[in-house]
Amino acid sequence: GEEARILAGGQSLAAMLNMRLVRPTLLIDINRL
């Protein structure tokens, strides 16, 4: 649920992760799909 985040391009998400604005417990990388 809310504890997961989807990673596609990551251009916004990566910055938010590094600044700890979001703290998911699971990152789901869909780039293989």
Full PDB file with SEQRES, HELIX, SHEET, SSBOND, CRYST1, ORIGX, SCALE, CONECT and MASTER records, all heavy atoms in Angstrom:
SEQRES   1 A   33  GLY GLU GLU ALA ARG ILE LEU ALA GLY GLY GLN SER LEU          
SEQRES   2 A   33  ALA ALA MET LEU ASN MET ARG LEU VAL ARG PRO THR LEU          
SEQRES   3 A   33  LEU ILE ASP ILE ASN ARG LEU                                  
HELIX    1 AA1 LEU A   13  ASN A   18  1                                   6    
SHEET    1 AA1 2 ALA A   4  LEU A   7  0                                        
SHEET    2 AA1 2 LEU A  26  ASP A  29  1                                        
CRYST1    1.000    1.000    1.000  90.00  90.00  90.00 P 1           1          
ORIGX1      1.000000  0.000000  0.000000        0.00000                         
ORIGX2      0.000000  1.000000  0.000000        0.00000                         
ORIGX3      0.000000  0.000000  1.000000        0.00000                         
SCALE1      1.000000  0.000000  0.000000        0.00000                         
SCALE2      0.000000  1.000000  0.000000        0.00000                         
SCALE3      0.000000  0.000000  1.000000        0.00000                         
ATOM      1  N   GLY A   1       0.797  -1.224   0.000  1.00  0.00           N  
ATOM      2  CA  GLY A   1       0.000   0.000   0.000  1.00  0.00           C  
ATOM      3  C   GLY A   1       0.828   1.272   0.000  1.00  0.00           C  
ATOM      4  O   GLY A   1       1.740   1.442  -0.819  1.00  0.00           O  
ATOM      5  N   GLU A   2       0.539   2.165   0.942  1.00  0.00           N  
ATOM      6  CA  GLU A   2       1.200   3.471   1.013  1.00  0.00           C  
ATOM      7  C   GLU A   2       2.700   3.367   1.275  1.00  0.00           C  
ATOM      8  O   GLU A   2       3.438   4.338   1.060  1.00  0.00           O  
ATOM      9  CB  GLU A   2       0.551   4.331   2.107  1.00  0.00           C  
ATOM     10  CG  GLU A   2      -0.877   4.746   1.822  1.00  0.00           C  
ATOM     11  CD  GLU A   2      -0.962   5.839   0.776  1.00  0.00           C  
ATOM     12  OE1 GLU A   2       0.098   6.300   0.301  1.00  0.00           O  
ATOM     13  OE2 GLU A   2      -2.096   6.224   0.427  1.00  0.00           O  
ATOM     14  N   GLU A   3       3.155   2.224   1.745  1.00  0.00           N  
ATOM     15  CA  GLU A   3       4.574   2.052   2.053  1.00  0.00           C  
ATOM     16  C   GLU A   3       5.417   1.747   0.817  1.00  0.00           C  
ATOM     17  O   GLU A   3       6.644   1.668   0.905  1.00  0.00           O  
ATOM     18  CB  GLU A   3       4.752   0.929   3.084  1.00  0.00           C  
ATOM     19  CG  GLU A   3       4.099   1.227   4.422  1.00  0.00           C  
ATOM     20  CD  GLU A   3       4.679   2.473   5.063  1.00  0.00           C  
ATOM     21  OE1 GLU A   3       5.915   2.633   5.044  1.00  0.00           O  
ATOM     22  OE2 GLU A   3       3.894   3.304   5.566  1.00  0.00           O  
ATOM     23  N   ALA A   4       4.768   1.564  -0.343  1.00  0.00           N  
ATOM     24  CA  ALA A   4       5.478   1.234  -1.578  1.00  0.00           C  
ATOM     25  C   ALA A   4       5.447   2.404  -2.540  1.00  0.00           C  
ATOM     26  O   ALA A   4       4.534   3.228  -2.527  1.00  0.00           O  
ATOM     27  CB  ALA A   4       4.854   0.007  -2.234  1.00  0.00           C  
ATOM     28  N   ARG A   5       6.456   2.478  -3.400  1.00  0.00           N  
ATOM     29  CA  ARG A   5       6.510   3.462  -4.464  1.00  0.00           C  
ATOM     30  C   ARG A   5       6.939   2.778  -5.754  1.00  0.00           C  
ATOM     31  O   ARG A   5       7.793   1.895  -5.755  1.00  0.00           O  
ATOM     32  CB  ARG A   5       7.509   4.599  -4.139  1.00  0.00           C  
ATOM     33  CG  ARG A   5       7.072   5.548  -3.057  1.00  0.00           C  
ATOM     34  CD  ARG A   5       5.918   6.428  -3.504  1.00  0.00           C  
ATOM     35  NE  ARG A   5       5.606   7.458  -2.522  1.00  0.00           N  
ATOM     36  CZ  ARG A   5       4.829   7.285  -1.463  1.00  0.00           C  
ATOM     37  NH1 ARG A   5       4.289   6.094  -1.243  1.00  0.00           N  
ATOM     38  NH2 ARG A   5       4.585   8.261  -0.625  1.00  0.00           N  
ATOM     39  N   ILE A   6       6.339   3.229  -6.881  1.00  0.00           N  
ATOM     40  CA  ILE A   6       6.716   2.735  -8.199  1.00  0.00           C  
ATOM     41  C   ILE A   6       7.881   3.554  -8.734  1.00  0.00           C  
ATOM     42  O   ILE A   6       7.862   4.794  -8.677  1.00  0.00           O  
ATOM     43  CB  ILE A   6       5.533   2.822  -9.179  1.00  0.00           C  
ATOM     44  CG1 ILE A   6       4.399   1.874  -8.756  1.00  0.00           C  
ATOM     45  CG2 ILE A   6       5.971   2.530 -10.608  1.00  0.00           C  
ATOM     46  CD1 ILE A   6       4.682   0.418  -8.989  1.00  0.00           C  
ATOM     47  N   LEU A   7       8.899   2.886  -9.263  1.00  0.00           N  
ATOM     48  CA  LEU A   7      10.033   3.547  -9.905  1.00  0.00           C  
ATOM     49  C   LEU A   7       9.972   3.288 -11.406  1.00  0.00           C  
ATOM     50  O   LEU A   7      10.037   2.145 -11.852  1.00  0.00           O  
ATOM     51  CB  LEU A   7      11.354   3.019  -9.343  1.00  0.00           C  
ATOM     52  CG  LEU A   7      12.621   3.518 -10.046  1.00  0.00           C  
ATOM     53  CD1 LEU A   7      12.781   5.024  -9.860  1.00  0.00           C  
ATOM     54  CD2 LEU A   7      13.851   2.780  -9.520  1.00  0.00           C  
ATOM     55  N   ALA A   8       9.825   4.353 -12.190  1.00  0.00           N  
ATOM     56  CA  ALA A   8       9.860   4.256 -13.652  1.00  0.00           C  
ATOM     57  C   ALA A   8      11.059   5.068 -14.137  1.00  0.00           C  
ATOM     58  O   ALA A   8      12.159   4.551 -14.270  1.00  0.00           O  
ATOM     59  CB  ALA A   8       8.551   4.749 -14.253  1.00  0.00           C  
ATOM     60  N   GLY A   9      10.858   6.366 -14.370  1.00  0.00           N  
ATOM     61  CA  GLY A   9      11.986   7.215 -14.725  1.00  0.00           C  
ATOM     62  C   GLY A   9      12.775   7.668 -13.507  1.00  0.00           C  
ATOM     63  O   GLY A   9      13.996   7.787 -13.527  1.00  0.00           O  
ATOM     64  N   GLY A  10      12.055   7.957 -12.433  1.00  0.00           N  
ATOM     65  CA  GLY A  10      12.703   8.321 -11.170  1.00  0.00           C  
ATOM     66  C   GLY A  10      13.224   9.738 -11.099  1.00  0.00           C  
ATOM     67  O   GLY A  10      13.920  10.090 -10.140  1.00  0.00           O  
ATOM     68  N   GLN A  11      12.905  10.591 -12.082  1.00  0.00           N  
ATOM     69  CA  GLN A  11      13.490  11.923 -12.102  1.00  0.00           C  
ATOM     70  C   GLN A  11      12.971  12.807 -10.967  1.00  0.00           C  
ATOM     71  O   GLN A  11      13.676  13.696 -10.497  1.00  0.00           O  
ATOM     72  CB  GLN A  11      13.219  12.593 -13.457  1.00  0.00           C  
ATOM     73  CG  GLN A  11      13.834  11.860 -14.627  1.00  0.00           C  
ATOM     74  CD  GLN A  11      15.321  11.605 -14.429  1.00  0.00           C  
ATOM     75  OE1 GLN A  11      16.117  12.534 -14.422  1.00  0.00           O  
ATOM     76  NE2 GLN A  11      15.698  10.348 -14.247  1.00  0.00           N  
ATOM     77  N   SER A  12      11.761  12.578 -10.525  1.00  0.00           N  
ATOM     78  CA  SER A  12      11.224  13.284  -9.352  1.00  0.00           C  
ATOM     79  C   SER A  12      11.401  12.446  -8.089  1.00  0.00           C  
ATOM     80  O   SER A  12      11.764  12.964  -7.035  1.00  0.00           O  
ATOM     81  CB  SER A  12       9.740  13.613  -9.550  1.00  0.00           C  
ATOM     82  OG  SER A  12       9.546  14.474 -10.643  1.00  0.00           O  
ATOM     83  N   LEU A  13      11.141  11.150  -8.212  1.00  0.00           N  
ATOM     84  CA  LEU A  13      11.178  10.281  -7.038  1.00  0.00           C  
ATOM     85  C   LEU A  13      12.565  10.211  -6.416  1.00  0.00           C  
ATOM     86  O   LEU A  13      12.696  10.238  -5.179  1.00  0.00           O  
ATOM     87  CB  LEU A  13      10.700   8.880  -7.422  1.00  0.00           C  
ATOM     88  CG  LEU A  13      10.702   7.834  -6.306  1.00  0.00           C  
ATOM     89  CD1 LEU A  13       9.808   8.272  -5.158  1.00  0.00           C  
ATOM     90  CD2 LEU A  13      10.274   6.474  -6.845  1.00  0.00           C  
ATOM     91  N   ALA A  14      13.618  10.115  -7.230  1.00  0.00           N  
ATOM     92  CA  ALA A  14      14.973   9.977  -6.683  1.00  0.00           C  
ATOM     93  C   ALA A  14      15.341  11.180  -5.828  1.00  0.00           C  
ATOM     94  O   ALA A  14      15.931  11.027  -4.745  1.00  0.00           O  
ATOM     95  CB  ALA A  14      15.976   9.806  -7.821  1.00  0.00           C  
ATOM     96  N   ALA A  15      14.990  12.370  -6.282  1.00  0.00           N  
ATOM     97  CA  ALA A  15      15.287  13.570  -5.494  1.00  0.00           C  
ATOM     98  C   ALA A  15      14.512  13.569  -4.184  1.00  0.00           C  
ATOM     99  O   ALA A  15      15.052  13.940  -3.123  1.00  0.00           O  
ATOM    100  CB  ALA A  15      14.948  14.820  -6.305  1.00  0.00           C  
ATOM    101  N   MET A  16      13.257  13.150  -4.232  1.00  0.00           N  
ATOM    102  CA  MET A  16      12.445  13.114  -3.016  1.00  0.00           C  
ATOM    103  C   MET A  16      12.963  12.052  -2.046  1.00  0.00           C  
ATOM    104  O   MET A  16      12.930  12.248  -0.823  1.00  0.00           O  
ATOM    105  CB  MET A  16      10.990  12.853  -3.373  1.00  0.00           C  
ATOM    106  CG  MET A  16      10.367  13.969  -4.190  1.00  0.00           C  
ATOM    107  SD  MET A  16       8.660  13.643  -4.659  1.00  0.00           S  
ATOM    108  CE  MET A  16       7.835  13.897  -3.081  1.00  0.00           C  
ATOM    109  N   LEU A  17      13.463  10.936  -2.580  1.00  0.00           N  
ATOM    110  CA  LEU A  17      14.063   9.921  -1.722  1.00  0.00           C  
ATOM    111  C   LEU A  17      15.321  10.448  -1.041  1.00  0.00           C  
ATOM    112  O   LEU A  17      15.520  10.260   0.167  1.00  0.00           O  
ATOM    113  CB  LEU A  17      14.411   8.676  -2.545  1.00  0.00           C  
ATOM    114  CG  LEU A  17      13.254   7.799  -3.031  1.00  0.00           C  
ATOM    115  CD1 LEU A  17      13.767   6.775  -4.036  1.00  0.00           C  
ATOM    116  CD2 LEU A  17      12.565   7.109  -1.871  1.00  0.00           C  
ATOM    117  N   ASN A  18      16.178  11.106  -1.814  1.00  0.00           N  
ATOM    118  CA  ASN A  18      17.434  11.607  -1.262  1.00  0.00           C  
ATOM    119  C   ASN A  18      17.213  12.680  -0.201  1.00  0.00           C  
ATOM    120  O   ASN A  18      17.984  12.779   0.758  1.00  0.00           O  
ATOM    121  CB  ASN A  18      18.317  12.157  -2.376  1.00  0.00           C  
ATOM    122  CG  ASN A  18      18.946  11.061  -3.214  1.00  0.00           C  
ATOM    123  OD1 ASN A  18      19.078   9.925  -2.760  1.00  0.00           O  
ATOM    124  ND2 ASN A  18      19.311  11.382  -4.439  1.00  0.00           N  
ATOM    125  N   MET A  19      16.177  13.485  -0.374  1.00  0.00           N  
ATOM    126  CA  MET A  19      15.861  14.517   0.626  1.00  0.00           C  
ATOM    127  C   MET A  19      14.988  13.971   1.748  1.00  0.00           C  
ATOM    128  O   MET A  19      14.630  14.688   2.673  1.00  0.00           O  
ATOM    129  CB  MET A  19      15.173  15.697  -0.052  1.00  0.00           C  
ATOM    130  CG  MET A  19      16.079  16.499  -0.959  1.00  0.00           C  
ATOM    131  SD  MET A  19      15.287  17.983  -1.631  1.00  0.00           S  
ATOM    132  CE  MET A  19      14.206  17.254  -2.872  1.00  0.00           C  
ATOM    133  N   ARG A  20      14.636  12.700   1.645  1.00  0.00           N  
ATOM    134  CA  ARG A  20      13.811  12.005   2.636  1.00  0.00           C  
ATOM    135  C   ARG A  20      12.441  12.662   2.804  1.00  0.00           C  
ATOM    136  O   ARG A  20      11.849  12.624   3.890  1.00  0.00           O  
ATOM    137  CB  ARG A  20      14.542  11.890   3.967  1.00  0.00           C  
ATOM    138  CG  ARG A  20      15.882  11.162   3.820  1.00  0.00           C  
ATOM    139  CD  ARG A  20      16.427  10.625   5.102  1.00  0.00           C  
ATOM    140  NE  ARG A  20      17.643   9.844   4.846  1.00  0.00           N  
ATOM    141  CZ  ARG A  20      18.249   9.103   5.757  1.00  0.00           C  
ATOM    142  NH1 ARG A  20      17.762   9.016   6.984  1.00  0.00           N  
ATOM    143  NH2 ARG A  20      19.352   8.428   5.447  1.00  0.00           N  
ATOM    144  N   LEU A  21      11.942  13.227   1.683  1.00  0.00           N  
ATOM    145  CA  LEU A  21      10.578  13.735   1.686  1.00  0.00           C  
ATOM    146  C   LEU A  21       9.588  12.577   1.611  1.00  0.00           C  
ATOM    147  O   LEU A  21       8.435  12.715   2.025  1.00  0.00           O  
ATOM    148  CB  LEU A  21      10.363  14.696   0.516  1.00  0.00           C  
ATOM    149  CG  LEU A  21      11.199  15.974   0.548  1.00  0.00           C  
ATOM    150  CD1 LEU A  21      11.006  16.768  -0.734  1.00  0.00           C  
ATOM    151  CD2 LEU A  21      10.848  16.819   1.766  1.00  0.00           C  
ATOM    152  N   VAL A  22      10.019  11.455   1.026  1.00  0.00           N  
ATOM    153  CA  VAL A  22       9.252  10.206   1.066  1.00  0.00           C  
ATOM    154  C   VAL A  22      10.180   9.115   1.584  1.00  0.00           C  
ATOM    155  O   VAL A  22      11.381   9.120   1.309  1.00  0.00           O  
ATOM    156  CB  VAL A  22       8.684   9.830  -0.322  1.00  0.00           C  
ATOM    157  CG1 VAL A  22       7.653  10.853  -0.768  1.00  0.00           C  
ATOM    158  CG2 VAL A  22       9.785   9.703  -1.356  1.00  0.00           C  
ATOM    159  N   ARG A  23       9.607   8.191   2.350  1.00  0.00           N  
ATOM    160  CA  ARG A  23      10.394   7.109   2.939  1.00  0.00           C  
ATOM    161  C   ARG A  23       9.681   5.776   2.753  1.00  0.00           C  
ATOM    162  O   ARG A  23       9.184   5.181   3.709  1.00  0.00           O  
ATOM    163  CB  ARG A  23      10.641   7.365   4.421  1.00  0.00           C  
ATOM    164  CG  ARG A  23      11.446   8.623   4.702  1.00  0.00           C  
ATOM    165  CD  ARG A  23      11.803   8.702   6.169  1.00  0.00           C  
ATOM    166  NE  ARG A  23      12.605   9.870   6.474  1.00  0.00           N  
ATOM    167  CZ  ARG A  23      13.356  10.013   7.555  1.00  0.00           C  
ATOM    168  NH1 ARG A  23      13.397   9.037   8.454  1.00  0.00           N  
ATOM    169  NH2 ARG A  23      14.044  11.113   7.758  1.00  0.00           N  
ATOM    170  N   PRO A  24       9.604   5.295   1.526  1.00  0.00           N  
ATOM    171  CA  PRO A  24       8.930   4.005   1.307  1.00  0.00           C  
ATOM    172  C   PRO A  24       9.739   2.865   1.907  1.00  0.00           C  
ATOM    173  O   PRO A  24      10.965   2.923   1.995  1.00  0.00           O  
ATOM    174  CB  PRO A  24       8.875   3.901  -0.213  1.00  0.00           C  
ATOM    175  CG  PRO A  24      10.064   4.696  -0.685  1.00  0.00           C  
ATOM    176  CD  PRO A  24      10.173   5.839   0.280  1.00  0.00           C  
ATOM    177  N   THR A  25       9.024   1.830   2.310  1.00  0.00           N  
ATOM    178  CA  THR A  25       9.726   0.621   2.759  1.00  0.00           C  
ATOM    179  C   THR A  25      10.025  -0.307   1.595  1.00  0.00           C  
ATOM    180  O   THR A  25      10.842  -1.213   1.718  1.00  0.00           O  
ATOM    181  CB  THR A  25       8.875  -0.137   3.802  1.00  0.00           C  
ATOM    182  OG1 THR A  25       7.616  -0.490   3.215  1.00  0.00           O  
ATOM    183  CG2 THR A  25       8.636   0.736   5.026  1.00  0.00           C  
ATOM    184  N   LEU A  26       9.342  -0.057   0.447  1.00  0.00           N  
ATOM    185  CA  LEU A  26       9.559  -0.883  -0.741  1.00  0.00           C  
ATOM    186  C   LEU A  26       9.554  -0.012  -1.987  1.00  0.00           C  
ATOM    187  O   LEU A  26       8.657   0.805  -2.178  1.00  0.00           O  
ATOM    188  CB  LEU A  26       8.463  -1.946  -0.868  1.00  0.00           C  
ATOM    189  CG  LEU A  26       8.497  -2.811  -2.134  1.00  0.00           C  
ATOM    190  CD1 LEU A  26       9.742  -3.702  -2.149  1.00  0.00           C  
ATOM    191  CD2 LEU A  26       7.240  -3.647  -2.272  1.00  0.00           C  
ATOM    192  N   LEU A  27      10.566  -0.205  -2.842  1.00  0.00           N  
ATOM    193  CA  LEU A  27      10.632   0.447  -4.143  1.00  0.00           C  
ATOM    194  C   LEU A  27      10.411  -0.616  -5.214  1.00  0.00           C  
ATOM    195  O   LEU A  27      11.136  -1.616  -5.267  1.00  0.00           O  
ATOM    196  CB  LEU A  27      12.001   1.113  -4.327  1.00  0.00           C  
ATOM    197  CG  LEU A  27      12.093   2.246  -5.351  1.00  0.00           C  
ATOM    198  CD1 LEU A  27      11.176   3.392  -4.974  1.00  0.00           C  
ATOM    199  CD2 LEU A  27      13.529   2.727  -5.479  1.00  0.00           C  
ATOM    200  N   ILE A  28       9.394  -0.402  -6.068  1.00  0.00           N  
ATOM    201  CA  ILE A  28       9.032  -1.374  -7.103  1.00  0.00           C  
ATOM    202  C   ILE A  28       9.499  -0.830  -8.448  1.00  0.00           C  
ATOM    203  O   ILE A  28       8.910   0.096  -9.001  1.00  0.00           O  
ATOM    204  CB  ILE A  28       7.505  -1.623  -7.121  1.00  0.00           C  
ATOM    205  CG1 ILE A  28       7.023  -2.065  -5.739  1.00  0.00           C  
ATOM    206  CG2 ILE A  28       7.155  -2.660  -8.182  1.00  0.00           C  
ATOM    207  CD1 ILE A  28       5.509  -2.098  -5.606  1.00  0.00           C  
ATOM    208  N   ASP A  29      10.549  -1.400  -8.990  1.00  0.00           N  
ATOM    209  CA  ASP A  29      11.166  -0.952 -10.242  1.00  0.00           C  
ATOM    210  C   ASP A  29      10.502  -1.670 -11.419  1.00  0.00           C  
ATOM    211  O   ASP A  29      10.691  -2.872 -11.609  1.00  0.00           O  
ATOM    212  CB  ASP A  29      12.665  -1.253 -10.203  1.00  0.00           C  
ATOM    213  CG  ASP A  29      13.412  -0.744 -11.420  1.00  0.00           C  
ATOM    214  OD1 ASP A  29      12.757  -0.352 -12.406  1.00  0.00           O  
ATOM    215  OD2 ASP A  29      14.658  -0.745 -11.392  1.00  0.00           O  
ATOM    216  N   ILE A  30       9.721  -0.923 -12.214  1.00  0.00           N  
ATOM    217  CA  ILE A  30       8.960  -1.545 -13.310  1.00  0.00           C  
ATOM    218  C   ILE A  30       9.694  -1.465 -14.650  1.00  0.00           C  
ATOM    219  O   ILE A  30       9.107  -1.787 -15.689  1.00  0.00           O  
ATOM    220  CB  ILE A  30       7.563  -0.913 -13.442  1.00  0.00           C  
ATOM    221  CG1 ILE A  30       7.662   0.581 -13.815  1.00  0.00           C  
ATOM    222  CG2 ILE A  30       6.757  -1.098 -12.158  1.00  0.00           C  
ATOM    223  CD1 ILE A  30       6.325   1.216 -14.167  1.00  0.00           C  
ATOM    224  N   ASN A  31      10.946  -1.093 -14.662  1.00  0.00           N  
ATOM    225  CA  ASN A  31      11.649  -0.852 -15.921  1.00  0.00           C  
ATOM    226  C   ASN A  31      11.864  -2.114 -16.750  1.00  0.00           C  
ATOM    227  O   ASN A  31      12.198  -2.023 -17.931  1.00  0.00           O  
ATOM    228  CB  ASN A  31      12.990  -0.170 -15.641  1.00  0.00           C  
ATOM    229  CG  ASN A  31      12.810   1.317 -15.406  1.00  0.00           C  
ATOM    230  OD1 ASN A  31      12.712   2.097 -16.346  1.00  0.00           O  
ATOM    231  ND2 ASN A  31      12.750   1.712 -14.135  1.00  0.00           N  
ATOM    232  N   ARG A  32      11.670  -3.280 -16.176  1.00  0.00           N  
ATOM    233  CA  ARG A  32      11.812  -4.526 -16.934  1.00  0.00           C  
ATOM    234  C   ARG A  32      10.537  -4.874 -17.709  1.00  0.00           C  
ATOM    235  O   ARG A  32      10.545  -5.770 -18.565  1.00  0.00           O  
ATOM    236  CB  ARG A  32      12.173  -5.663 -15.971  1.00  0.00           C  
ATOM    237  CG  ARG A  32      12.490  -6.984 -16.634  1.00  0.00           C  
ATOM    238  CD  ARG A  32      12.916  -8.003 -15.600  1.00  0.00           C  
ATOM    239  NE  ARG A  32      14.266  -7.728 -15.113  1.00  0.00           N  
ATOM    240  CZ  ARG A  32      14.830  -8.363 -14.082  1.00  0.00           C  
ATOM    241  NH1 ARG A  32      14.155  -9.288 -13.424  1.00  0.00           N  
ATOM    242  NH2 ARG A  32      16.060  -8.066 -13.701  1.00  0.00           N  
ATOM    243  N   LEU A  33       9.457  -4.167 -17.471  1.00  0.00           N  
ATOM    244  CA  LEU A  33       8.158  -4.523 -18.030  1.00  0.00           C  
ATOM    245  C   LEU A  33       7.974  -3.873 -19.389  1.00  0.00           C  
ATOM    246  O   LEU A  33       7.363  -2.812 -19.526  1.00  0.00           O  
ATOM    247  CB  LEU A  33       7.039  -4.117 -17.060  1.00  0.00           C  
ATOM    248  CG  LEU A  33       7.213  -4.623 -15.619  1.00  0.00           C  
ATOM    249  CD1 LEU A  33       6.034  -4.202 -14.763  1.00  0.00           C  
ATOM    250  CD2 LEU A  33       7.402  -6.139 -15.601  1.00  0.00           C  
TER     251      LEU A  33                                                      
MASTER        0    0    0    1    2    0    0    6  250    1    0    3          
END                                                                             
